[in-house]
Amino acid sequence: KPHFLAAWLVVEVAALVARGARSWIRMELVAAAATIAAYGVA
């Protein structure tokens, strides 16, 4: 659901606060972002 993207955003903000900028280079984050982008194109 588009509304669930709000949960993803809050989780990533929390990860950024807890772990710093390195939280943005996690493989699972890249895979999640790529999956959501591929779904939008599909």
All heavy atoms as atom14 arrays in JSON, in Angstrom:
{
  "sequence": "KPHFLAAWLVVEVAALVARGARSWIRMELVAAAATIAAYGVA",
  "atom14_mask": [
    [1, 1, 1, 1, 1, 1, 1, 1, 1, 0, 0, 0, 0, 0],
    [1, 1, 1, 1, 1, 1, 1, 0, 0, 0, 0, 0, 0, 0],
    [1, 1, 1, 1, 1, 1, 1, 1, 1, 1, 0, 0, 0, 0],
    [1, 1, 1, 1, 1, 1, 1, 1, 1, 1, 1, 0, 0, 0],
    [1, 1, 1, 1, 1, 1, 1, 1, 0, 0, 0, 0, 0, 0],
    [1, 1, 1, 1, 1, 0, 0, 0, 0, 0, 0, 0, 0, 0],
    [1, 1, 1, 1, 1, 0, 0, 0, 0, 0, 0, 0, 0, 0],
    [1, 1, 1, 1, 1, 1, 1, 1, 1, 1, 1, 1, 1, 1],
    [1, 1, 1, 1, 1, 1, 1, 1, 0, 0, 0, 0, 0, 0],
    [1, 1, 1, 1, 1, 1, 1, 0, 0, 0, 0, 0, 0, 0],
    [1, 1, 1, 1, 1, 1, 1, 0, 0, 0, 0, 0, 0, 0],
    [1, 1, 1, 1, 1, 1, 1, 1, 1, 0, 0, 0, 0, 0],
    [1, 1, 1, 1, 1, 1, 1, 0, 0, 0, 0, 0, 0, 0],
    [1, 1, 1, 1, 1, 0, 0, 0, 0, 0, 0, 0, 0, 0],
    [1, 1, 1, 1, 1, 0, 0, 0, 0, 0, 0, 0, 0, 0],
    [1, 1, 1, 1, 1, 1, 1, 1, 0, 0, 0, 0, 0, 0],
    [1, 1, 1, 1, 1, 1, 1, 0, 0, 0, 0, 0, 0, 0],
    [1, 1, 1, 1, 1, 0, 0, 0, 0, 0, 0, 0, 0, 0],
    [1, 1, 1, 1, 1, 1, 1, 1, 1, 1, 1, 0, 0, 0],
    [1, 1, 1, 1, 0, 0, 0, 0, 0, 0, 0, 0, 0, 0],
    [1, 1, 1, 1, 1, 0, 0, 0, 0, 0, 0, 0, 0, 0],
    [1, 1, 1, 1, 1, 1, 1, 1, 1, 1, 1, 0, 0, 0],
    [1, 1, 1, 1, 1, 1, 0, 0, 0, 0, 0, 0, 0, 0],
    [1, 1, 1, 1, 1, 1, 1, 1, 1, 1, 1, 1, 1, 1],
    [1, 1, 1, 1, 1, 1, 1, 1, 0, 0, 0, 0, 0, 0],
    [1, 1, 1, 1, 1, 1, 1, 1, 1, 1, 1, 0, 0, 0],
    [1, 1, 1, 1, 1, 1, 1, 1, 0, 0, 0, 0, 0, 0],
    [1, 1, 1, 1, 1, 1, 1, 1, 1, 0, 0, 0, 0, 0],
    [1, 1, 1, 1, 1, 1, 1, 1, 0, 0, 0, 0, 0, 0],
    [1, 1, 1, 1, 1, 1, 1, 0, 0, 0, 0, 0, 0, 0],
    [1, 1, 1, 1, 1, 0, 0, 0, 0, 0, 0, 0, 0, 0],
    [1, 1, 1, 1, 1, 0, 0, 0, 0, 0, 0, 0, 0, 0],
    [1, 1, 1, 1, 1, 0, 0, 0, 0, 0, 0, 0, 0, 0],
    [1, 1, 1, 1, 1, 0, 0, 0, 0, 0, 0, 0, 0, 0],
    [1, 1, 1, 1, 1, 1, 1, 0, 0, 0, 0, 0, 0, 0],
    [1, 1, 1, 1, 1, 1, 1, 1, 0, 0, 0, 0, 0, 0],
    [1, 1, 1, 1, 1, 0, 0, 0, 0, 0, 0, 0, 0, 0],
    [1, 1, 1, 1, 1, 0, 0, 0, 0, 0, 0, 0, 0, 0],
    [1, 1, 1, 1, 1, 1, 1, 1, 1, 1, 1, 1, 0, 0],
    [1, 1, 1, 1, 0, 0, 0, 0, 0, 0, 0, 0, 0, 0],
    [1, 1, 1, 1, 1, 1, 1, 0, 0, 0, 0, 0, 0, 0],
    [1, 1, 1, 1, 1, 0, 0, 0, 0, 0, 0, 0, 0, 0]
  ],
  "atom14_positions": [
    [[0.87, -1.18, 0.0], [0.0, 0.0, 0.0], [0.9, 1.23, 0.0], [1.92, 1.24, 0.7], [-0.9, 0.03, 1.24], [-2.06, -0.94, 1.22], [-2.95, -0.7, 2.43], [-4.19, -1.57, 2.39], [-5.07, -1.32, 3.57], [0.0, 0.0, 0.0], [0.0, 0.0, 0.0], [0.0, 0.0, 0.0], [0.0, 0.0, 0.0], [0.0, 0.0, 0.0]],
    [[0.55, 2.27, -0.73], [1.38, 3.48, -0.71], [1.57, 4.04, 0.7], [2.63, 4.6, 1.0], [0.59, 4.46, -1.59], [-0.26, 3.6, -2.47], [-0.59, 2.39, -1.66], [0.0, 0.0, 0.0], [0.0, 0.0, 0.0], [0.0, 0.0, 0.0], [0.0, 0.0, 0.0], [0.0, 0.0, 0.0], [0.0, 0.0, 0.0], [0.0, 0.0, 0.0]],
    [[0.59, 3.86, 1.57], [0.69, 4.38, 2.93], [1.83, 3.75, 3.71], [2.39, 4.36, 4.62], [-0.63, 4.16, 3.68], [-1.84, 4.58, 2.91], [-2.46, 3.74, 2.01], [-2.52, 5.75, 2.88], [-3.49, 4.37, 1.48], [-3.55, 5.58, 1.98], [0.0, 0.0, 0.0], [0.0, 0.0, 0.0], [0.0, 0.0, 0.0], [0.0, 0.0, 0.0]],
    [[2.2, 2.51, 3.36], [3.25, 1.82, 4.11], [4.63, 2.43, 3.86], [5.57, 2.17, 4.62], [3.28, 0.33, 3.75], [2.04, -0.42, 4.13], [1.75, -1.64, 3.54], [1.16, 0.08, 5.08], [0.61, -2.35, 3.89], [0.01, -0.62, 5.43], [-0.26, -1.84, 4.83], [0.0, 0.0, 0.0], [0.0, 0.0, 0.0], [0.0, 0.0, 0.0]],
    [[4.75, 3.23, 2.81], [6.03, 3.89, 2.58], [6.36, 4.86, 3.71], [7.53, 5.15, 3.96], [6.0, 4.63, 1.24], [5.86, 3.73, 0.0], [5.74, 4.58, -1.26], [7.02, 2.76, -0.12], [0.0, 0.0, 0.0], [0.0, 0.0, 0.0], [0.0, 0.0, 0.0], [0.0, 0.0, 0.0], [0.0, 0.0, 0.0], [0.0, 0.0, 0.0]],
    [[5.33, 5.32, 4.43], [5.58, 6.17, 5.6], [6.34, 5.39, 6.66], [7.23, 5.93, 7.33], [4.25, 6.69, 6.17], [0.0, 0.0, 0.0], [0.0, 0.0, 0.0], [0.0, 0.0, 0.0], [0.0, 0.0, 0.0], [0.0, 0.0, 0.0], [0.0, 0.0, 0.0], [0.0, 0.0, 0.0], [0.0, 0.0, 0.0], [0.0, 0.0, 0.0]],
    [[6.0, 4.11, 6.83], [6.71, 3.28, 7.81], [8.16, 3.1, 7.39], [9.08, 3.14, 8.24], [6.01, 1.93, 7.95], [0.0, 0.0, 0.0], [0.0, 0.0, 0.0], [0.0, 0.0, 0.0], [0.0, 0.0, 0.0], [0.0, 0.0, 0.0], [0.0, 0.0, 0.0], [0.0, 0.0, 0.0], [0.0, 0.0, 0.0], [0.0, 0.0, 0.0]],
    [[8.4, 2.88, 6.11], [9.77, 2.71, 5.61], [10.58, 3.98, 5.88], [11.73, 3.92, 6.33], [9.73, 2.38, 4.12], [11.06, 2.06, 3.51], [12.09, 1.35, 4.09], [11.53, 2.43, 2.22], [13.15, 1.23, 3.23], [12.84, 1.89, 2.06], [10.98, 3.14, 1.16], [13.58, 2.06, 0.9], [11.71, 3.3, 0.0], [13.01, 2.76, -0.12]],
    [[9.99, 5.13, 5.62], [10.68, 6.39, 5.84], [11.06, 6.57, 7.31], [12.2, 6.94, 7.64], [9.8, 7.56, 5.38], [10.35, 8.97, 5.64], [11.66, 9.18, 4.89], [9.32, 10.02, 5.23], [0.0, 0.0, 0.0], [0.0, 0.0, 0.0], [0.0, 0.0, 0.0], [0.0, 0.0, 0.0], [0.0, 0.0, 0.0], [0.0, 0.0, 0.0]],
    [[10.13, 6.28, 8.21], [10.42, 6.43, 9.64], [11.52, 5.46, 10.07], [12.42, 5.83, 10.85], [9.14, 6.21, 10.47], [9.46, 6.24, 11.97], [8.1, 7.28, 10.15], [0.0, 0.0, 0.0], [0.0, 0.0, 0.0], [0.0, 0.0, 0.0], [0.0, 0.0, 0.0], [0.0, 0.0, 0.0], [0.0, 0.0, 0.0], [0.0, 0.0, 0.0]],
    [[11.48, 4.24, 9.57], [12.52, 3.25, 9.91], [13.89, 3.73, 9.44], [14.88, 3.64, 10.17], [12.17, 1.88, 9.28], [13.38, 0.94, 9.3], [11.0, 1.25, 10.02], [0.0, 0.0, 0.0], [0.0, 0.0, 0.0], [0.0, 0.0, 0.0], [0.0, 0.0, 0.0], [0.0, 0.0, 0.0], [0.0, 0.0, 0.0], [0.0, 0.0, 0.0]],
    [[13.97, 4.27, 8.24], [15.27, 4.71, 7.72], [15.78, 5.95, 8.44], [16.99, 6.11, 8.63], [15.18, 4.95, 6.21], [15.05, 3.67, 5.41], [16.14, 2.65, 5.73], [17.31, 3.06, 5.96], [15.82, 1.46, 5.79], [0.0, 0.0, 0.0], [0.0, 0.0, 0.0], [0.0, 0.0, 0.0], [0.0, 0.0, 0.0], [0.0, 0.0, 0.0]],
    [[14.89, 6.83, 8.85], [15.31, 7.98, 9.65], [15.86, 7.49, 10.99], [16.9, 7.97, 11.47], [14.15, 8.96, 9.85], [14.5, 10.01, 10.9], [13.78, 9.63, 8.54], [0.0, 0.0, 0.0], [0.0, 0.0, 0.0], [0.0, 0.0, 0.0], [0.0, 0.0, 0.0], [0.0, 0.0, 0.0], [0.0, 0.0, 0.0], [0.0, 0.0, 0.0]],
    [[15.2, 6.52, 11.6], [15.69, 5.96, 12.87], [17.05, 5.29, 12.68], [17.94, 5.42, 13.54], [14.68, 4.97, 13.42], [0.0, 0.0, 0.0], [0.0, 0.0, 0.0], [0.0, 0.0, 0.0], [0.0, 0.0, 0.0], [0.0, 0.0, 0.0], [0.0, 0.0, 0.0], [0.0, 0.0, 0.0], [0.0, 0.0, 0.0], [0.0, 0.0, 0.0]],
    [[17.22, 4.58, 11.56], [18.51, 3.93, 11.3], [19.61, 4.97, 11.1], [20.74, 4.79, 11.56], [18.39, 3.03, 10.08], [0.0, 0.0, 0.0], [0.0, 0.0, 0.0], [0.0, 0.0, 0.0], [0.0, 0.0, 0.0], [0.0, 0.0, 0.0], [0.0, 0.0, 0.0], [0.0, 0.0, 0.0], [0.0, 0.0, 0.0], [0.0, 0.0, 0.0]],
    [[19.28, 6.06, 10.43], [20.26, 7.12, 10.2], [20.68, 7.75, 11.53], [21.87, 8.0, 11.77], [19.66, 8.18, 9.27], [20.55, 9.38, 8.94], [21.79, 8.93, 8.18], [19.77, 10.41, 8.13], [0.0, 0.0, 0.0], [0.0, 0.0, 0.0], [0.0, 0.0, 0.0], [0.0, 0.0, 0.0], [0.0, 0.0, 0.0], [0.0, 0.0, 0.0]],
    [[19.72, 7.99, 12.42], [20.04, 8.58, 13.72], [20.89, 7.62, 14.55], [21.85, 8.03, 15.23], [18.74, 8.94, 14.47], [19.03, 9.34, 15.91], [18.0, 10.06, 13.74], [0.0, 0.0, 0.0], [0.0, 0.0, 0.0], [0.0, 0.0, 0.0], [0.0, 0.0, 0.0], [0.0, 0.0, 0.0], [0.0, 0.0, 0.0], [0.0, 0.0, 0.0]],
    [[20.57, 6.33, 14.5], [21.25, 5.35, 15.34], [22.63, 4.98, 14.81], [23.56, 4.75, 15.6], [20.39, 4.1, 15.48], [0.0, 0.0, 0.0], [0.0, 0.0, 0.0], [0.0, 0.0, 0.0], [0.0, 0.0, 0.0], [0.0, 0.0, 0.0], [0.0, 0.0, 0.0], [0.0, 0.0, 0.0], [0.0, 0.0, 0.0], [0.0, 0.0, 0.0]],
    [[22.79, 4.95, 13.48], [24.01, 4.38, 12.91], [24.79, 5.36, 12.05], [25.87, 5.02, 11.56], [23.66, 3.13, 12.09], [22.93, 2.07, 12.9], [22.44, 0.93, 12.06], [23.52, 0.24, 11.4], [23.35, -0.78, 10.56], [22.13, -1.21, 10.3], [24.37, -1.37, 10.01], [0.0, 0.0, 0.0], [0.0, 0.0, 0.0], [0.0, 0.0, 0.0]],
    [[24.24, 6.53, 11.8], [24.94, 7.49, 10.98], [24.76, 7.23, 9.5], [23.96, 6.38, 9.07], [0.0, 0.0, 0.0], [0.0, 0.0, 0.0], [0.0, 0.0, 0.0], [0.0, 0.0, 0.0], [0.0, 0.0, 0.0], [0.0, 0.0, 0.0], [0.0, 0.0, 0.0], [0.0, 0.0, 0.0], [0.0, 0.0, 0.0], [0.0, 0.0, 0.0]],
    [[25.56, 7.92, 8.7], [25.42, 7.86, 7.24], [25.66, 6.47, 6.68], [25.17, 6.13, 5.61], [26.38, 8.85, 6.58], [0.0, 0.0, 0.0], [0.0, 0.0, 0.0], [0.0, 0.0, 0.0], [0.0, 0.0, 0.0], [0.0, 0.0, 0.0], [0.0, 0.0, 0.0], [0.0, 0.0, 0.0], [0.0, 0.0, 0.0], [0.0, 0.0, 0.0]],
    [[26.41, 5.63, 7.4], [26.68, 4.29, 6.87], [25.41, 3.44, 6.78], [25.39, 2.4, 6.1], [27.71, 3.57, 7.75], [27.31, 3.39, 9.2], [28.51, 3.0, 10.06], [28.13, 2.93, 11.46], [27.79, 1.8, 12.08], [27.78, 0.67, 11.4], [27.48, 1.82, 13.36], [0.0, 0.0, 0.0], [0.0, 0.0, 0.0], [0.0, 0.0, 0.0]],
    [[24.32, 3.88, 7.46], [23.07, 3.12, 7.38], [22.48, 3.16, 5.97], [21.65, 2.32, 5.62], [22.04, 3.67, 8.37], [21.59, 4.95, 7.96], [0.0, 0.0, 0.0], [0.0, 0.0, 0.0], [0.0, 0.0, 0.0], [0.0, 0.0, 0.0], [0.0, 0.0, 0.0], [0.0, 0.0, 0.0], [0.0, 0.0, 0.0], [0.0, 0.0, 0.0]],
    [[22.94, 4.12, 5.16], [22.37, 4.26, 3.82], [23.06, 3.4, 2.77], [22.66, 3.4, 1.61], [22.44, 5.73, 3.38], [21.53, 6.6, 4.19], [21.8, 7.24, 5.35], [20.16, 6.91, 3.88], [20.71, 7.93, 5.8], [19.68, 7.75, 4.92], [19.29, 6.56, 2.84], [18.38, 8.24, 4.93], [17.99, 7.06, 2.87], [17.55, 7.88, 3.9]],
    [[24.08, 2.66, 3.16], [24.77, 1.81, 2.17], [24.58, 0.33, 2.48], [25.37, -0.5, 2.07], [26.28, 2.15, 2.12], [26.92, 2.03, 3.52], [26.5, 3.55, 1.55], [28.42, 2.21, 3.5], [0.0, 0.0, 0.0], [0.0, 0.0, 0.0], [0.0, 0.0, 0.0], [0.0, 0.0, 0.0], [0.0, 0.0, 0.0], [0.0, 0.0, 0.0]],
    [[23.52, 0.01, 3.2], [23.21, -1.38, 3.49], [22.66, -2.07, 2.25], [21.86, -1.48, 1.5], [22.18, -1.48, 4.62], [22.61, -0.72, 5.85], [21.65, -0.81, 7.02], [20.27, -1.08, 6.74], [19.32, -0.16, 6.61], [19.64, 1.13, 6.68], [18.07, -0.5, 6.42], [0.0, 0.0, 0.0], [0.0, 0.0, 0.0], [0.0, 0.0, 0.0]],
    [[23.07, -3.31, 2.03], [22.61, -4.06, 0.86], [21.09, -4.21, 0.88], [20.43, -4.1, -0.17], [23.26, -5.44, 0.8], [22.8, -6.27, -0.4], [23.45, -7.96, -0.39], [25.19, -7.64, -0.68], [0.0, 0.0, 0.0], [0.0, 0.0, 0.0], [0.0, 0.0, 0.0], [0.0, 0.0, 0.0], [0.0, 0.0, 0.0], [0.0, 0.0, 0.0]],
    [[20.52, -4.46, 2.07], [19.08, -4.66, 2.13], [18.31, -3.38, 1.81], [17.23, -3.42, 1.22], [18.66, -5.2, 3.51], [19.0, -4.34, 4.7], [20.37, -4.64, 5.28], [21.25, -5.16, 4.56], [20.57, -4.34, 6.47], [0.0, 0.0, 0.0], [0.0, 0.0, 0.0], [0.0, 0.0, 0.0], [0.0, 0.0, 0.0], [0.0, 0.0, 0.0]],
    [[18.89, -2.21, 2.15], [18.24, -0.94, 1.79], [18.27, -0.74, 0.28], [17.26, -0.36, -0.32], [18.94, 0.22, 2.5], [18.53, 1.63, 2.06], [17.04, 1.85, 2.26], [19.32, 2.69, 2.81], [0.0, 0.0, 0.0], [0.0, 0.0, 0.0], [0.0, 0.0, 0.0], [0.0, 0.0, 0.0], [0.0, 0.0, 0.0], [0.0, 0.0, 0.0]],
    [[19.4, -1.01, -0.34], [19.51, -0.88, -1.8], [18.54, -1.83, -2.49], [17.84, -1.45, -3.45], [20.96, -1.13, -2.25], [21.05, -1.13, -3.78], [21.89, -0.09, -1.65], [0.0, 0.0, 0.0], [0.0, 0.0, 0.0], [0.0, 0.0, 0.0], [0.0, 0.0, 0.0], [0.0, 0.0, 0.0], [0.0, 0.0, 0.0], [0.0, 0.0, 0.0]],
    [[18.46, -3.07, -2.0], [17.56, -4.05, -2.6], [16.1, -3.63, -2.45], [15.29, -3.77, -3.37], [17.78, -5.42, -1.97], [0.0, 0.0, 0.0], [0.0, 0.0, 0.0], [0.0, 0.0, 0.0], [0.0, 0.0, 0.0], [0.0, 0.0, 0.0], [0.0, 0.0, 0.0], [0.0, 0.0, 0.0], [0.0, 0.0, 0.0], [0.0, 0.0, 0.0]],
    [[15.76, -3.08, -1.27], [14.38, -2.63, -1.05], [14.04, -1.47, -1.99], [12.96, -1.45, -2.61], [14.19, -2.21, 0.41], [0.0, 0.0, 0.0], [0.0, 0.0, 0.0], [0.0, 0.0, 0.0], [0.0, 0.0, 0.0], [0.0, 0.0, 0.0], [0.0, 0.0, 0.0], [0.0, 0.0, 0.0], [0.0, 0.0, 0.0], [0.0, 0.0, 0.0]],
    [[14.94, -0.49, -2.1], [14.69, 0.65, -2.97], [14.56, 0.22, -4.42], [13.69, 0.7, -5.16], [15.82, 1.68, -2.8], [0.0, 0.0, 0.0], [0.0, 0.0, 0.0], [0.0, 0.0, 0.0], [0.0, 0.0, 0.0], [0.0, 0.0, 0.0], [0.0, 0.0, 0.0], [0.0, 0.0, 0.0], [0.0, 0.0, 0.0], [0.0, 0.0, 0.0]],
    [[15.43, -0.71, -4.85], [15.37, -1.19, -6.24], [14.06, -1.93, -6.49], [13.46, -1.8, -7.57], [16.56, -2.1, -6.51], [0.0, 0.0, 0.0], [0.0, 0.0, 0.0], [0.0, 0.0, 0.0], [0.0, 0.0, 0.0], [0.0, 0.0, 0.0], [0.0, 0.0, 0.0], [0.0, 0.0, 0.0], [0.0, 0.0, 0.0], [0.0, 0.0, 0.0]],
    [[13.59, -2.7, -5.51], [12.34, -3.45, -5.67], [11.15, -2.5, -5.8], [10.29, -2.68, -6.66], [12.14, -4.38, -4.46], [13.23, -5.3, -4.39], [10.83, -5.15, -4.57], [0.0, 0.0, 0.0], [0.0, 0.0, 0.0], [0.0, 0.0, 0.0], [0.0, 0.0, 0.0], [0.0, 0.0, 0.0], [0.0, 0.0, 0.0], [0.0, 0.0, 0.0]],
    [[11.12, -1.47, -4.97], [10.02, -0.51, -5.03], [10.04, 0.26, -6.35], [9.0, 0.48, -6.98], [10.1, 0.45, -3.83], [9.82, -0.3, -2.53], [9.12, 1.62, -3.98], [10.07, 0.49, -1.27], [0.0, 0.0, 0.0], [0.0, 0.0, 0.0], [0.0, 0.0, 0.0], [0.0, 0.0, 0.0], [0.0, 0.0, 0.0], [0.0, 0.0, 0.0]],
    [[11.24, 0.63, -6.81], [11.35, 1.34, -8.09], [10.9, 0.44, -9.25], [10.17, 0.89, -10.15], [12.78, 1.82, -8.3], [0.0, 0.0, 0.0], [0.0, 0.0, 0.0], [0.0, 0.0, 0.0], [0.0, 0.0, 0.0], [0.0, 0.0, 0.0], [0.0, 0.0, 0.0], [0.0, 0.0, 0.0], [0.0, 0.0, 0.0], [0.0, 0.0, 0.0]],
    [[11.32, -0.83, -9.23], [10.93, -1.76, -10.29], [9.41, -1.97, -10.3], [8.79, -2.07, -11.36], [11.65, -3.09, -10.09], [0.0, 0.0, 0.0], [0.0, 0.0, 0.0], [0.0, 0.0, 0.0], [0.0, 0.0, 0.0], [0.0, 0.0, 0.0], [0.0, 0.0, 0.0], [0.0, 0.0, 0.0], [0.0, 0.0, 0.0], [0.0, 0.0, 0.0]],
    [[8.83, -2.02, -9.12], [7.37, -2.18, -9.04], [6.66, -0.98, -9.65], [5.69, -1.13, -10.41], [6.96, -2.37, -7.58], [5.48, -2.23, -7.33], [4.56, -3.03, -7.99], [5.0, -1.28, -6.42], [3.2, -2.89, -7.76], [3.64, -1.14, -6.19], [2.75, -1.95, -6.86], [1.4, -1.81, -6.63], [0.0, 0.0, 0.0], [0.0, 0.0, 0.0]],
    [[7.13, 0.24, -9.34], [6.51, 1.42, -9.91], [6.56, 1.41, -11.43], [5.57, 1.74, -12.1], [0.0, 0.0, 0.0], [0.0, 0.0, 0.0], [0.0, 0.0, 0.0], [0.0, 0.0, 0.0], [0.0, 0.0, 0.0], [0.0, 0.0, 0.0], [0.0, 0.0, 0.0], [0.0, 0.0, 0.0], [0.0, 0.0, 0.0], [0.0, 0.0, 0.0]],
    [[7.7, 1.01, -12.0], [7.83, 0.93, -13.45], [6.89, -0.14, -14.0], [6.23, 0.06, -15.04], [9.29, 0.63, -13.84], [9.4, 0.35, -15.33], [10.19, 1.81, -13.44], [0.0, 0.0, 0.0], [0.0, 0.0, 0.0], [0.0, 0.0, 0.0], [0.0, 0.0, 0.0], [0.0, 0.0, 0.0], [0.0, 0.0, 0.0], [0.0, 0.0, 0.0]],
    [[6.79, -1.29, -13.31], [5.94, -2.38, -13.79], [4.48, -1.96, -13.85], [3.75, -2.34, -14.78], [6.11, -3.6, -12.87], [0.0, 0.0, 0.0], [0.0, 0.0, 0.0], [0.0, 0.0, 0.0], [0.0, 0.0, 0.0], [0.0, 0.0, 0.0], [0.0, 0.0, 0.0], [0.0, 0.0, 0.0], [0.0, 0.0, 0.0], [0.0, 0.0, 0.0]]
  ]
}
